[in-house]
Amino acid sequence: FNRSKYGFYINDYENAIAQAKKLEIAADECGEASKTLKSQSGNSEQFWQGASGNAMRRKMAESVKELTTLQSDLRGTASVIRTVAEELRRKDKKLSGLM
């Protein structure tokens, strides 16, 4: 590991950015799951009617909403991690140049 003059491991920046990418992939998976669930909910009306079908579709709609919220949260977290890692890397390089 290469350590900067200010205590950060250079590899830490890359690890943080890699973590952000994993969160973005998870967000994409939430989006796909949400689309699939929404589609299945719409298709279920042909096969599942009555009170139990309606209750299941309500639950599916709640799950779609939760997945959409989770997707947004994951993207936001990934963005913050990436921004902070890149800013720390820039500042570290700038400070290293001043010494």
C-alpha atoms as a PDB file:
ATOM      1  CA  PHE A   1       0.000   0.000   0.000  1.00  0.00           C
ATOM      2  CA  ASN A   2       1.205   3.469  -0.773  1.00  0.00           C
ATOM      3  CA  ARG A   3       0.603   5.933   2.023  1.00  0.00           C
ATOM      4  CA  SER A   4       0.317   9.636   1.395  1.00  0.00           C
ATOM      5  CA  LYS A   5       1.956  12.186   3.668  1.00  0.00           C
ATOM      6  CA  TYR A   6      -1.395  12.841   5.347  1.00  0.00           C
ATOM      7  CA  GLY A   7      -2.263   9.329   6.437  1.00  0.00           C
ATOM      8  CA  PHE A   8      -4.524   8.129   3.650  1.00  0.00           C
ATOM      9  CA  TYR A   9      -3.719   4.959   1.803  1.00  0.00           C
ATOM     10  CA  ILE A  10      -3.811   5.610  -1.911  1.00  0.00           C
ATOM     11  CA  ASN A  11      -5.522   2.256  -2.315  1.00  0.00           C
ATOM     12  CA  ASP A  12      -8.348   3.494  -0.053  1.00  0.00           C
ATOM     13  CA  TYR A  13      -9.538   5.877  -2.750  1.00  0.00           C
ATOM     14  CA  GLU A  14      -9.779   3.068  -5.259  1.00  0.00           C
ATOM     15  CA  ASN A  15     -11.510   0.795  -2.737  1.00  0.00           C
ATOM     16  CA  ALA A  16     -14.076   3.489  -1.957  1.00  0.00           C
ATOM     17  CA  ILE A  17     -14.748   4.080  -5.644  1.00  0.00           C
ATOM     18  CA  ALA A  18     -15.084   0.308  -6.175  1.00  0.00           C
ATOM     19  CA  GLN A  19     -17.602   0.189  -3.297  1.00  0.00           C
ATOM     20  CA  ALA A  20     -19.560   2.992  -4.922  1.00  0.00           C
ATOM     21  CA  LYS A  21     -19.663   0.975  -8.148  1.00  0.00           C
ATOM     22  CA  LYS A  22     -20.996  -2.062  -6.240  1.00  0.00           C
ATOM     23  CA  LEU A  23     -23.740   0.121  -4.758  1.00  0.00           C
ATOM     24  CA  GLU A  24     -24.622   1.377  -8.244  1.00  0.00           C
ATOM     25  CA  ILE A  25     -24.884  -2.219  -9.476  1.00  0.00           C
ATOM     26  CA  ALA A  26     -27.144  -3.062  -6.532  1.00  0.00           C
ATOM     27  CA  ALA A  27     -29.265  -0.013  -7.389  1.00  0.00           C
ATOM     28  CA  ASP A  28     -29.590  -1.256 -10.973  1.00  0.00           C
ATOM     29  CA  GLU A  29     -30.684  -4.655  -9.657  1.00  0.00           C
ATOM     30  CA  CYS A  30     -33.331  -2.986  -7.487  1.00  0.00           C
ATOM     31  CA  GLY A  31     -34.584  -1.145 -10.551  1.00  0.00           C
ATOM     32  CA  GLU A  32     -34.830  -4.349 -12.560  1.00  0.00           C
ATOM     33  CA  ALA A  33     -36.606  -6.138  -9.711  1.00  0.00           C
ATOM     34  CA  SER A  34     -39.029  -3.240  -9.406  1.00  0.00           C
ATOM     35  CA  LYS A  35     -39.833  -3.311 -13.137  1.00  0.00           C
ATOM     36  CA  THR A  36     -40.337  -7.077 -13.087  1.00  0.00           C
ATOM     37  CA  LEU A  37     -42.566  -6.943 -10.028  1.00  0.00           C
ATOM     38  CA  LYS A  38     -44.626  -4.108 -11.502  1.00  0.00           C
ATOM     39  CA  SER A  39     -45.095  -6.049 -14.724  1.00  0.00           C
ATOM     40  CA  GLN A  40     -46.067  -9.226 -12.883  1.00  0.00           C
ATOM     41  CA  SER A  41     -48.530  -7.271 -10.789  1.00  0.00           C
ATOM     42  CA  GLY A  42     -50.224  -5.938 -13.904  1.00  0.00           C
ATOM     43  CA  ASN A  43     -50.325  -9.374 -15.511  1.00  0.00           C
ATOM     44  CA  SER A  44     -51.746 -10.971 -12.371  1.00  0.00           C
ATOM     45  CA  GLU A  45     -55.136  -9.332 -12.923  1.00  0.00           C
ATOM     46  CA  GLN A  46     -55.829 -11.852 -15.680  1.00  0.00           C
ATOM     47  CA  PHE A  47     -55.264 -14.802 -13.364  1.00  0.00           C
ATOM     48  CA  TRP A  48     -55.861 -13.639  -9.810  1.00  0.00           C
ATOM     49  CA  GLN A  49     -59.066 -11.773  -9.087  1.00  0.00           C
ATOM     50  CA  GLY A  50     -61.083 -10.902  -6.054  1.00  0.00           C
ATOM     51  CA  ALA A  51     -60.052  -9.691  -2.627  1.00  0.00           C
ATOM     52  CA  SER A  52     -56.992 -11.914  -2.340  1.00  0.00           C
ATOM     53  CA  GLY A  53     -55.723 -10.815  -5.776  1.00  0.00           C
ATOM     54  CA  ASN A  54     -56.251  -7.173  -4.867  1.00  0.00           C
ATOM     55  CA  ALA A  55     -54.450  -7.637  -1.544  1.00  0.00           C
ATOM     56  CA  MET A  56     -51.517  -9.267  -3.315  1.00  0.00           C
ATOM     57  CA  ARG A  57     -51.332  -6.449  -5.891  1.00  0.00           C
ATOM     58  CA  ARG A  58     -51.367  -3.858  -3.079  1.00  0.00           C
ATOM     59  CA  LYS A  59     -48.489  -5.691  -1.409  1.00  0.00           C
ATOM     60  CA  MET A  60     -46.653  -5.872  -4.727  1.00  0.00           C
ATOM     61  CA  ALA A  61     -47.167  -2.116  -5.225  1.00  0.00           C
ATOM     62  CA  GLU A  62     -45.723  -1.490  -1.746  1.00  0.00           C
ATOM     63  CA  SER A  63     -42.715  -3.625  -2.636  1.00  0.00           C
ATOM     64  CA  VAL A  64     -42.231  -1.718  -5.898  1.00  0.00           C
ATOM     65  CA  LYS A  65     -42.259   1.537  -3.935  1.00  0.00           C
ATOM     66  CA  GLU A  66     -39.747   0.167  -1.402  1.00  0.00           C
ATOM     67  CA  LEU A  67     -37.457  -1.068  -4.175  1.00  0.00           C
ATOM     68  CA  THR A  68     -37.640   2.305  -5.905  1.00  0.00           C
ATOM     69  CA  THR A  69     -36.766   4.081  -2.651  1.00  0.00           C
ATOM     70  CA  LEU A  70     -33.909   1.674  -2.005  1.00  0.00           C
ATOM     71  CA  GLN A  71     -32.618   2.198  -5.540  1.00  0.00           C
ATOM     72  CA  SER A  72     -32.598   5.952  -5.013  1.00  0.00           C
ATOM     73  CA  ASP A  73     -30.899   5.636  -1.616  1.00  0.00           C
ATOM     74  CA  LEU A  74     -28.211   3.340  -3.014  1.00  0.00           C
ATOM     75  CA  ARG A  75     -27.503   5.721  -5.902  1.00  0.00           C
ATOM     76  CA  GLY A  76     -27.293   8.665  -3.504  1.00  0.00           C
ATOM     77  CA  THR A  77     -24.930   6.833  -1.171  1.00  0.00           C
ATOM     78  CA  ALA A  78     -22.746   5.730  -4.085  1.00  0.00           C
ATOM     79  CA  SER A  79     -22.587   9.298  -5.340  1.00  0.00           C
ATOM     80  CA  VAL A  80     -21.512  10.641  -1.943  1.00  0.00           C
ATOM     81  CA  ILE A  81     -18.853   7.943  -1.513  1.00  0.00           C
ATOM     82  CA  ARG A  82     -17.467   8.567  -4.988  1.00  0.00           C
ATOM     83  CA  THR A  83     -17.460  12.350  -4.540  1.00  0.00           C
ATOM     84  CA  VAL A  84     -15.722  12.185  -1.164  1.00  0.00           C
ATOM     85  CA  ALA A  85     -13.098   9.672  -2.362  1.00  0.00           C
ATOM     86  CA  GLU A  86     -12.320  11.726  -5.456  1.00  0.00           C
ATOM     87  CA  GLU A  87     -12.151  14.969  -3.476  1.00  0.00           C
ATOM     88  CA  LEU A  88      -9.860  13.421  -0.861  1.00  0.00           C
ATOM     89  CA  ARG A  89      -7.617  12.096  -3.601  1.00  0.00           C
ATOM     90  CA  ARG A  90      -7.447  15.545  -5.248  1.00  0.00           C
ATOM     91  CA  LYS A  91      -6.729  17.288  -1.943  1.00  0.00           C
ATOM     92  CA  ASP A  92      -4.129  14.717  -0.980  1.00  0.00           C
ATOM     93  CA  LYS A  93      -2.315  15.129  -4.293  1.00  0.00           C
ATOM     94  CA  LYS A  94      -2.483  18.901  -3.961  1.00  0.00           C
ATOM     95  CA  LEU A  95      -1.108  18.824  -0.403  1.00  0.00           C
ATOM     96  CA  SER A  96       1.608  16.364  -1.407  1.00  0.00           C
ATOM     97  CA  GLY A  97       2.706  18.813  -4.100  1.00  0.00           C
ATOM     98  CA  LEU A  98       3.046  21.599  -1.549  1.00  0.00           C
ATOM     99  CA  MET A  99       5.473  19.671   0.670  1.00  0.00           C
END
